[in-house]
């Protein structure tokens, strides 16, 4: 069951990333008459909806990327001790990036 859940979440985050990329591309390149400026970005990311979008996008990126990295790691590393070390490192990296990203999203300046 665990492998099926990972497979499903990998596909789900892939769809979320594709949709998020389309939204991001549209907002950055085709929305609004005024050019992209610091003030307009701060105004947009001050919205709770954009903050939620950015956090969901961040979580999707982290899961999709690090789960894919884990899939590569288990193909090439066969030592149980080294697998445990790499898995722990990936989890620590994920939490550091997640907390840093959420902090940045929550505190626009």
C-alpha atoms as a PDB file:
ATOM      1  CA  UNK A   1       0.000   0.000   0.000  1.00  0.00           C
ATOM      2  CA  UNK A   2       2.834   2.407   0.801  1.00  0.00           C
ATOM      3  CA  UNK A   3       4.243   2.204  -2.711  1.00  0.00           C
ATOM      4  CA  UNK A   4       0.811   2.833  -4.220  1.00  0.00           C
ATOM      5  CA  UNK A   5       0.330   5.914  -2.032  1.00  0.00           C
ATOM      6  CA  UNK A   6       3.734   7.289  -3.016  1.00  0.00           C
ATOM      7  CA  UNK A   7       2.938   6.640  -6.681  1.00  0.00           C
ATOM      8  CA  UNK A   8      -0.427   8.424  -6.355  1.00  0.00           C
ATOM      9  CA  UNK A   9       1.045  11.418  -4.493  1.00  0.00           C
ATOM     10  CA  UNK A  10       3.846  11.709  -7.059  1.00  0.00           C
ATOM     11  CA  UNK A  11       1.239  11.936  -9.838  1.00  0.00           C
ATOM     12  CA  UNK A  12      -0.989  14.294  -7.846  1.00  0.00           C
ATOM     13  CA  UNK A  13       1.879  16.679  -7.096  1.00  0.00           C
ATOM     14  CA  UNK A  14       2.894  16.519 -10.749  1.00  0.00           C
ATOM     15  CA  UNK A  15      -0.582  17.716 -11.750  1.00  0.00           C
ATOM     16  CA  UNK A  16      -0.491  20.440  -9.068  1.00  0.00           C
ATOM     17  CA  UNK A  17       2.925  21.563 -10.292  1.00  0.00           C
ATOM     18  CA  UNK A  18       1.713  21.737 -13.889  1.00  0.00           C
ATOM     19  CA  UNK A  19      -1.361  23.774 -12.896  1.00  0.00           C
ATOM     20  CA  UNK A  20       0.740  25.990 -10.615  1.00  0.00           C
ATOM     21  CA  UNK A  21       3.239  26.580 -13.398  1.00  0.00           C
ATOM     22  CA  UNK A  22       0.470  27.698 -15.751  1.00  0.00           C
ATOM     23  CA  UNK A  23      -0.927  30.084 -13.101  1.00  0.00           C
ATOM     24  CA  UNK A  24       2.560  31.382 -12.300  1.00  0.00           C
ATOM     25  CA  UNK A  25       3.408  31.910 -15.980  1.00  0.00           C
ATOM     26  CA  UNK A  26       0.132  33.710 -16.653  1.00  0.00           C
ATOM     27  CA  UNK A  27       0.421  35.995 -13.621  1.00  0.00           C
ATOM     28  CA  UNK A  28       4.054  36.861 -14.283  1.00  0.00           C
ATOM     29  CA  UNK A  29       3.775  37.434 -18.028  1.00  0.00           C
ATOM     30  CA  UNK A  30       0.206  38.211 -19.074  1.00  0.00           C
ATOM     31  CA  UNK A  31      -1.768  39.722 -16.207  1.00  0.00           C
ATOM     32  CA  UNK A  32      -1.995  43.413 -15.491  1.00  0.00           C
ATOM     33  CA  UNK A  33      -1.196  46.381 -17.656  1.00  0.00           C
ATOM     34  CA  UNK A  34       1.648  47.677 -15.496  1.00  0.00           C
ATOM     35  CA  UNK A  35       5.090  46.108 -15.676  1.00  0.00           C
ATOM     36  CA  UNK A  36       6.226  43.654 -13.055  1.00  0.00           C
ATOM     37  CA  UNK A  37       7.546  45.672 -10.125  1.00  0.00           C
ATOM     38  CA  UNK A  38       8.444  45.100  -6.491  1.00  0.00           C
ATOM     39  CA  UNK A  39       5.342  46.914  -5.252  1.00  0.00           C
ATOM     40  CA  UNK A  40       2.963  44.849  -7.379  1.00  0.00           C
ATOM     41  CA  UNK A  41       4.568  41.595  -6.218  1.00  0.00           C
ATOM     42  CA  UNK A  42       4.339  42.609  -2.539  1.00  0.00           C
ATOM     43  CA  UNK A  43       0.710  43.625  -3.013  1.00  0.00           C
ATOM     44  CA  UNK A  44      -0.102  40.271  -4.631  1.00  0.00           C
ATOM     45  CA  UNK A  45       1.683  38.067  -2.095  1.00  0.00           C
ATOM     46  CA  UNK A  46       0.039  39.930   0.783  1.00  0.00           C
ATOM     47  CA  UNK A  47      -3.224  38.235  -0.164  1.00  0.00           C
ATOM     48  CA  UNK A  48      -4.047  35.139   1.916  1.00  0.00           C
ATOM     49  CA  UNK A  49      -5.116  33.349  -1.273  1.00  0.00           C
ATOM     50  CA  UNK A  50      -1.712  33.844  -2.873  1.00  0.00           C
ATOM     51  CA  UNK A  51      -0.003  32.800   0.344  1.00  0.00           C
ATOM     52  CA  UNK A  52      -2.051  29.584   0.354  1.00  0.00           C
ATOM     53  CA  UNK A  53      -1.244  29.036  -3.329  1.00  0.00           C
ATOM     54  CA  UNK A  54       2.473  29.564  -2.688  1.00  0.00           C
ATOM     55  CA  UNK A  55       2.502  27.188   0.286  1.00  0.00           C
ATOM     56  CA  UNK A  56       0.659  24.458  -1.653  1.00  0.00           C
ATOM     57  CA  UNK A  57       3.067  25.034  -4.555  1.00  0.00           C
ATOM     58  CA  UNK A  58       6.054  24.780  -2.192  1.00  0.00           C
ATOM     59  CA  UNK A  59       4.806  21.563  -0.560  1.00  0.00           C
ATOM     60  CA  UNK A  60       4.108  20.061  -3.993  1.00  0.00           C
ATOM     61  CA  UNK A  61       7.582  20.964  -5.226  1.00  0.00           C
ATOM     62  CA  UNK A  62       9.239  19.522  -2.140  1.00  0.00           C
ATOM     63  CA  UNK A  63       7.294  16.270  -2.162  1.00  0.00           C
ATOM     64  CA  UNK A  64       7.596  15.721  -5.907  1.00  0.00           C
ATOM     65  CA  UNK A  65      11.293  16.544  -6.060  1.00  0.00           C
ATOM     66  CA  UNK A  66      12.454  14.790  -2.923  1.00  0.00           C
ATOM     67  CA  UNK A  67      10.286  11.718  -3.516  1.00  0.00           C
ATOM     68  CA  UNK A  68      11.797  11.511  -6.992  1.00  0.00           C
ATOM     69  CA  UNK A  69      15.272  11.869  -5.486  1.00  0.00           C
ATOM     70  CA  UNK A  70      14.446   9.082  -3.005  1.00  0.00           C
ATOM     71  CA  UNK A  71      13.374   6.865  -5.911  1.00  0.00           C
ATOM     72  CA  UNK A  72      16.771   7.410  -7.545  1.00  0.00           C
ATOM     73  CA  UNK A  73      18.619   6.824  -4.265  1.00  0.00           C
ATOM     74  CA  UNK A  74      16.988   3.446  -3.609  1.00  0.00           C
ATOM     75  CA  UNK A  75      17.962   2.310  -7.105  1.00  0.00           C
ATOM     76  CA  UNK A  76      21.665   2.963  -6.570  1.00  0.00           C
ATOM     77  CA  UNK A  77      22.362   2.582  -2.842  1.00  0.00           C
ATOM     78  CA  UNK A  78      22.119  -0.913  -1.412  1.00  0.00           C
ATOM     79  CA  UNK A  79      23.653  -0.429   2.030  1.00  0.00           C
ATOM     80  CA  UNK A  80      20.948  -0.244   4.719  1.00  0.00           C
ATOM     81  CA  UNK A  81      23.010   2.117   6.864  1.00  0.00           C
ATOM     82  CA  UNK A  82      23.711   4.487   3.993  1.00  0.00           C
ATOM     83  CA  UNK A  83      20.042   4.395   2.919  1.00  0.00           C
ATOM     84  CA  UNK A  84      18.994   5.368   6.438  1.00  0.00           C
ATOM     85  CA  UNK A  85      21.527   8.224   6.493  1.00  0.00           C
ATOM     86  CA  UNK A  86      20.396   9.545   3.096  1.00  0.00           C
ATOM     87  CA  UNK A  87      16.713   9.228   4.035  1.00  0.00           C
ATOM     88  CA  UNK A  88      17.300  11.143   7.269  1.00  0.00           C
ATOM     89  CA  UNK A  89      19.243  13.804   5.350  1.00  0.00           C
ATOM     90  CA  UNK A  90      16.426  14.178   2.798  1.00  0.00           C
ATOM     91  CA  UNK A  91      13.830  14.536   5.570  1.00  0.00           C
ATOM     92  CA  UNK A  92      15.918  17.138   7.398  1.00  0.00           C
ATOM     93  CA  UNK A  93      16.487  19.035   4.128  1.00  0.00           C
ATOM     94  CA  UNK A  94      12.745  18.941   3.398  1.00  0.00           C
ATOM     95  CA  UNK A  95      11.851  20.434   6.789  1.00  0.00           C
ATOM     96  CA  UNK A  96      14.538  23.125   6.561  1.00  0.00           C
ATOM     97  CA  UNK A  97      13.374  24.200   3.099  1.00  0.00           C
ATOM     98  CA  UNK A  98       9.698  23.966   4.088  1.00  0.00           C
ATOM     99  CA  UNK A  99      10.065  26.100   7.218  1.00  0.00           C
ATOM    100  CA  UNK A 100      12.286  28.609   5.409  1.00  0.00           C
ATOM    101  CA  UNK A 101       9.826  28.852   2.519  1.00  0.00           C
ATOM    102  CA  UNK A 102       6.781  29.275   4.752  1.00  0.00           C
ATOM    103  CA  UNK A 103       8.632  31.910   6.781  1.00  0.00           C
ATOM    104  CA  UNK A 104       9.490  33.840   3.610  1.00  0.00           C
ATOM    105  CA  UNK A 105       5.921  33.544   2.283  1.00  0.00           C
ATOM    106  CA  UNK A 106       4.437  34.745   5.563  1.00  0.00           C
ATOM    107  CA  UNK A 107       6.705  37.773   5.993  1.00  0.00           C
ATOM    108  CA  UNK A 108       6.739  39.954   2.867  1.00  0.00           C
ATOM    109  CA  UNK A 109       8.728  43.135   3.258  1.00  0.00           C
END
